[in-house]
N, C-alpha and C. Protein backbone atom coordinates (compact mmCIF):
# COMPACT_ATOMS: atom_id res chain seq x y z
N UNK A 1 113.50 -11.72 182.07
CA UNK A 1 113.33 -12.04 183.50
C UNK A 1 113.03 -10.76 184.26
N UNK A 2 112.10 -10.84 185.19
CA UNK A 2 111.63 -9.68 185.94
C UNK A 2 112.63 -9.38 187.08
N UNK A 3 112.63 -8.13 187.55
CA UNK A 3 113.44 -7.76 188.71
C UNK A 3 112.96 -8.53 189.92
N UNK A 4 111.67 -8.68 190.06
CA UNK A 4 111.10 -9.43 191.16
C UNK A 4 111.23 -10.94 190.96
N UNK A 5 111.31 -11.67 192.02
CA UNK A 5 111.33 -13.14 191.96
C UNK A 5 109.97 -13.64 191.51
N UNK A 6 108.93 -12.81 191.65
CA UNK A 6 107.59 -13.18 191.29
C UNK A 6 107.19 -12.50 189.99
N UNK A 7 107.08 -13.27 188.90
CA UNK A 7 106.78 -12.67 187.60
C UNK A 7 105.54 -13.23 186.92
N UNK A 8 104.76 -14.05 187.67
CA UNK A 8 103.51 -14.55 187.17
C UNK A 8 102.36 -13.60 187.52
N UNK A 9 101.91 -12.84 186.54
CA UNK A 9 100.87 -11.81 186.78
C UNK A 9 99.61 -12.40 187.39
N UNK A 10 99.34 -13.64 187.14
CA UNK A 10 98.08 -14.27 187.58
C UNK A 10 98.10 -14.73 189.01
N UNK A 11 99.27 -14.64 189.69
CA UNK A 11 99.38 -15.16 191.07
C UNK A 11 100.02 -14.16 191.97
N UNK A 12 99.23 -13.54 192.85
CA UNK A 12 99.78 -12.66 193.84
C UNK A 12 100.63 -13.46 194.84
N UNK A 13 101.80 -13.00 195.19
CA UNK A 13 102.65 -13.77 196.12
C UNK A 13 101.97 -13.95 197.49
N UNK A 14 102.13 -15.12 198.05
CA UNK A 14 101.61 -15.40 199.41
C UNK A 14 102.75 -15.24 200.40
N UNK A 15 102.40 -15.29 201.68
CA UNK A 15 103.43 -15.18 202.71
C UNK A 15 104.42 -16.37 202.58
N UNK A 16 103.85 -17.56 202.31
CA UNK A 16 104.72 -18.73 202.14
C UNK A 16 105.63 -18.57 200.96
N UNK A 17 105.13 -18.06 199.82
CA UNK A 17 105.97 -17.80 198.63
C UNK A 17 107.10 -16.85 199.01
N UNK A 18 106.75 -15.77 199.71
CA UNK A 18 107.70 -14.76 200.06
C UNK A 18 108.81 -15.31 200.98
N UNK A 19 108.40 -16.10 201.97
CA UNK A 19 109.34 -16.70 202.87
C UNK A 19 110.32 -17.64 202.15
N UNK A 20 109.76 -18.41 201.25
CA UNK A 20 110.61 -19.33 200.46
C UNK A 20 111.65 -18.59 199.61
N UNK A 21 111.22 -17.53 198.98
CA UNK A 21 112.11 -16.79 198.07
C UNK A 21 113.16 -15.94 198.85
N UNK A 22 112.74 -15.29 199.90
CA UNK A 22 113.67 -14.44 200.64
C UNK A 22 114.59 -15.20 201.56
N UNK A 23 114.21 -16.34 202.05
CA UNK A 23 115.08 -17.10 202.96
C UNK A 23 115.35 -16.28 204.21
N UNK A 24 116.62 -16.17 204.58
CA UNK A 24 116.99 -15.44 205.81
C UNK A 24 116.63 -13.96 205.76
N UNK A 25 116.46 -13.40 204.58
CA UNK A 25 116.16 -11.96 204.44
C UNK A 25 114.72 -11.66 204.85
N UNK A 26 113.89 -12.67 205.09
CA UNK A 26 112.51 -12.41 205.48
C UNK A 26 112.47 -11.63 206.80
N UNK A 27 113.43 -11.88 207.67
CA UNK A 27 113.45 -11.16 208.95
C UNK A 27 113.64 -9.65 208.75
N UNK A 28 114.53 -9.29 207.85
CA UNK A 28 114.74 -7.87 207.59
C UNK A 28 113.52 -7.25 206.90
N UNK A 29 112.92 -8.01 205.95
CA UNK A 29 111.70 -7.56 205.26
C UNK A 29 110.63 -7.21 206.33
N UNK A 30 110.41 -8.14 207.24
CA UNK A 30 109.38 -7.94 208.28
C UNK A 30 109.75 -6.77 209.19
N UNK A 31 111.02 -6.66 209.54
CA UNK A 31 111.46 -5.61 210.43
C UNK A 31 111.26 -4.22 209.78
N UNK A 32 111.54 -4.10 208.50
CA UNK A 32 111.34 -2.83 207.82
C UNK A 32 109.86 -2.43 207.84
N UNK A 33 108.98 -3.41 207.58
CA UNK A 33 107.57 -3.13 207.60
C UNK A 33 107.10 -2.68 208.97
N UNK A 34 107.60 -3.34 210.03
CA UNK A 34 107.23 -2.92 211.39
C UNK A 34 107.74 -1.53 211.71
N UNK A 35 109.00 -1.24 211.33
CA UNK A 35 109.56 0.07 211.61
C UNK A 35 108.83 1.18 210.85
N UNK A 36 108.54 0.96 209.58
CA UNK A 36 107.79 1.96 208.80
C UNK A 36 106.40 2.12 209.38
N UNK A 37 105.78 1.01 209.76
CA UNK A 37 104.47 1.07 210.37
C UNK A 37 104.40 1.82 211.68
N UNK A 38 105.50 1.79 212.42
CA UNK A 38 105.53 2.51 213.71
C UNK A 38 105.60 4.00 213.48
N UNK A 39 106.06 4.45 212.32
CA UNK A 39 106.16 5.86 212.03
C UNK A 39 105.03 6.40 211.15
N UNK A 40 104.38 5.54 210.48
CA UNK A 40 103.30 5.92 209.56
C UNK A 40 102.09 5.03 209.86
N UNK A 41 101.22 5.51 210.72
CA UNK A 41 100.02 4.75 211.09
C UNK A 41 98.78 5.52 210.63
N UNK A 42 97.93 4.91 209.90
CA UNK A 42 97.90 3.50 209.44
C UNK A 42 98.80 3.27 208.21
N UNK A 43 99.26 2.08 208.10
CA UNK A 43 100.11 1.69 206.98
C UNK A 43 99.40 0.57 206.19
N UNK A 44 99.18 0.84 204.91
CA UNK A 44 98.54 -0.18 204.05
C UNK A 44 99.63 -0.87 203.27
N UNK A 45 99.42 -2.20 203.04
CA UNK A 45 100.36 -2.99 202.25
C UNK A 45 99.60 -3.45 201.02
N UNK A 46 100.06 -3.02 199.83
CA UNK A 46 99.41 -3.36 198.60
C UNK A 46 100.40 -4.02 197.65
N UNK A 47 100.12 -5.29 197.25
CA UNK A 47 100.90 -5.93 196.23
C UNK A 47 100.43 -5.45 194.88
N UNK A 48 101.39 -5.20 193.99
CA UNK A 48 101.06 -4.76 192.66
C UNK A 48 101.99 -5.39 191.63
N UNK A 49 101.45 -5.66 190.46
CA UNK A 49 102.24 -6.18 189.34
C UNK A 49 102.56 -5.03 188.44
N UNK A 50 103.86 -4.78 188.21
CA UNK A 50 104.29 -3.61 187.45
C UNK A 50 104.76 -3.92 186.07
N UNK A 51 104.46 -5.10 185.54
CA UNK A 51 104.84 -5.47 184.20
C UNK A 51 105.83 -6.57 184.14
N UNK A 52 106.08 -7.10 182.96
CA UNK A 52 106.96 -8.26 182.82
C UNK A 52 108.41 -7.98 183.20
N UNK A 53 108.86 -6.75 183.12
CA UNK A 53 110.23 -6.41 183.49
C UNK A 53 110.42 -6.20 184.97
N UNK A 54 109.35 -5.97 185.70
CA UNK A 54 109.44 -5.67 187.12
C UNK A 54 108.84 -6.76 187.97
N UNK A 55 107.74 -7.34 187.56
CA UNK A 55 107.06 -8.34 188.34
C UNK A 55 106.29 -7.76 189.53
N UNK A 56 106.08 -8.56 190.57
CA UNK A 56 105.32 -8.20 191.73
C UNK A 56 106.19 -7.46 192.76
N UNK A 57 105.62 -6.45 193.38
CA UNK A 57 106.27 -5.71 194.47
C UNK A 57 105.26 -5.29 195.49
N UNK A 58 105.69 -5.00 196.69
CA UNK A 58 104.87 -4.57 197.76
C UNK A 58 105.02 -3.05 197.97
N UNK A 59 103.90 -2.37 197.95
CA UNK A 59 103.89 -0.91 198.17
C UNK A 59 103.35 -0.65 199.54
N UNK A 60 104.10 0.07 200.37
CA UNK A 60 103.63 0.49 201.70
C UNK A 60 103.12 1.92 201.58
N UNK A 61 101.86 2.11 201.99
CA UNK A 61 101.25 3.42 201.79
C UNK A 61 100.71 3.93 203.14
N UNK A 62 100.87 5.22 203.35
CA UNK A 62 100.27 5.92 204.46
C UNK A 62 99.23 6.88 203.86
N UNK A 63 98.00 6.64 204.17
CA UNK A 63 96.90 7.38 203.57
C UNK A 63 97.05 7.24 202.03
N UNK A 64 97.19 8.31 201.31
CA UNK A 64 97.27 8.21 199.84
C UNK A 64 98.72 8.22 199.32
N UNK A 65 99.67 8.33 200.21
CA UNK A 65 101.07 8.49 199.79
C UNK A 65 101.86 7.21 199.95
N UNK A 66 102.55 6.83 198.87
CA UNK A 66 103.44 5.68 198.94
C UNK A 66 104.67 6.05 199.75
N UNK A 67 105.02 5.22 200.73
CA UNK A 67 106.15 5.50 201.62
C UNK A 67 107.37 4.70 201.20
N UNK A 68 107.16 3.42 200.80
CA UNK A 68 108.26 2.55 200.44
C UNK A 68 107.79 1.47 199.48
N UNK A 69 108.67 1.10 198.56
CA UNK A 69 108.41 0.00 197.64
C UNK A 69 109.39 -1.12 197.94
N UNK A 70 108.90 -2.33 198.11
CA UNK A 70 109.74 -3.47 198.36
C UNK A 70 109.58 -4.49 197.21
N UNK A 71 110.68 -4.92 196.64
CA UNK A 71 110.64 -5.89 195.52
C UNK A 71 111.46 -7.09 195.91
N UNK A 72 110.79 -8.24 196.07
CA UNK A 72 111.50 -9.45 196.51
C UNK A 72 112.28 -10.07 195.36
N UNK A 73 113.47 -10.56 195.66
CA UNK A 73 114.29 -11.27 194.75
C UNK A 73 114.76 -12.57 195.46
N UNK A 74 115.58 -13.37 194.82
CA UNK A 74 116.01 -14.63 195.42
C UNK A 74 117.07 -14.39 196.50
N UNK A 75 116.68 -14.45 197.75
CA UNK A 75 117.59 -14.31 198.87
C UNK A 75 117.79 -12.89 199.34
N UNK A 76 117.19 -11.92 198.68
CA UNK A 76 117.30 -10.53 199.06
C UNK A 76 116.14 -9.75 198.49
N UNK A 77 116.09 -8.46 198.79
CA UNK A 77 115.01 -7.62 198.22
C UNK A 77 115.55 -6.20 197.96
N UNK A 78 114.86 -5.55 197.11
CA UNK A 78 115.15 -4.14 196.79
C UNK A 78 114.17 -3.27 197.58
N UNK A 79 114.64 -2.11 198.03
CA UNK A 79 113.76 -1.14 198.72
C UNK A 79 113.95 0.18 197.95
N UNK A 80 112.81 0.80 197.64
CA UNK A 80 112.88 2.04 196.89
C UNK A 80 111.93 3.08 197.45
N UNK A 81 112.32 4.33 197.32
CA UNK A 81 111.49 5.44 197.76
C UNK A 81 111.13 6.29 196.55
N UNK A 82 109.98 6.87 196.62
CA UNK A 82 109.59 7.84 195.57
C UNK A 82 109.43 9.17 196.32
N UNK A 83 110.38 10.04 196.16
CA UNK A 83 110.42 11.30 196.89
C UNK A 83 110.01 12.48 196.04
N UNK A 84 109.14 13.31 196.54
CA UNK A 84 108.81 14.54 195.87
C UNK A 84 109.93 15.59 196.12
N UNK A 85 109.83 16.67 195.40
CA UNK A 85 110.89 17.68 195.47
C UNK A 85 111.00 18.26 196.88
N UNK A 86 109.94 18.45 197.60
CA UNK A 86 109.99 18.93 198.94
C UNK A 86 110.80 18.00 199.86
N UNK A 87 110.55 16.71 199.74
CA UNK A 87 111.27 15.73 200.55
C UNK A 87 112.75 15.67 200.13
N UNK A 88 113.05 15.79 198.84
CA UNK A 88 114.45 15.84 198.40
C UNK A 88 115.14 17.03 199.00
N UNK A 89 114.51 18.15 198.96
CA UNK A 89 115.12 19.37 199.54
C UNK A 89 115.38 19.22 201.03
N UNK A 90 114.41 18.65 201.73
CA UNK A 90 114.54 18.46 203.19
C UNK A 90 115.69 17.45 203.46
N UNK A 91 115.82 16.44 202.67
CA UNK A 91 116.88 15.46 202.84
C UNK A 91 118.26 16.14 202.70
N UNK A 92 118.37 17.00 201.70
CA UNK A 92 119.66 17.68 201.48
C UNK A 92 119.99 18.70 202.58
N UNK A 93 118.96 19.14 203.30
CA UNK A 93 119.17 20.10 204.41
C UNK A 93 119.29 19.40 205.74
N UNK A 94 119.24 18.07 205.77
CA UNK A 94 119.16 17.36 207.02
C UNK A 94 120.46 16.91 207.64
N UNK A 95 121.55 17.01 206.89
CA UNK A 95 122.85 16.55 207.41
C UNK A 95 123.12 15.07 207.19
N UNK A 96 122.39 14.47 206.24
CA UNK A 96 122.65 13.07 205.91
C UNK A 96 124.03 12.93 205.28
N UNK A 97 124.64 11.75 205.37
CA UNK A 97 125.96 11.55 204.77
C UNK A 97 125.94 11.83 203.26
N UNK A 98 127.03 12.40 202.72
CA UNK A 98 127.09 12.69 201.30
C UNK A 98 126.80 11.50 200.38
N UNK A 99 127.26 10.31 200.81
CA UNK A 99 127.02 9.16 199.95
C UNK A 99 125.53 8.87 199.83
N UNK A 100 124.76 9.08 200.87
CA UNK A 100 123.34 8.85 200.79
C UNK A 100 122.66 9.99 199.99
N UNK A 101 123.11 11.20 200.21
CA UNK A 101 122.54 12.34 199.44
C UNK A 101 122.80 12.18 197.94
N UNK A 102 123.89 11.56 197.57
CA UNK A 102 124.19 11.34 196.16
C UNK A 102 123.12 10.41 195.56
N UNK A 103 122.72 9.39 196.30
CA UNK A 103 121.69 8.48 195.83
C UNK A 103 120.33 9.18 195.69
N UNK A 104 120.08 10.11 196.60
CA UNK A 104 118.78 10.82 196.56
C UNK A 104 118.79 11.78 195.41
């Protein structure tokens, strides 16, 4: 079973599919996209299939750089960042809470 609720490589998830799977979490999904888009303009949204273990996910990109990865599951979603060393260093120098820095 894939991490994503969408594991059929032949079918890109539609808005209706996403709404059905996420349920009440669709509001948070949409809000995150709006918030990221307000900080990174233009923001491209690209669905991609990452294999049978991962399934479909949405990649939010600003220019050539991936900003956020969203993976829908049943009733919730995963959000992931791919940070380069420079961003990791800046995060550690930013005064973020230790629990968050531990994840980074």
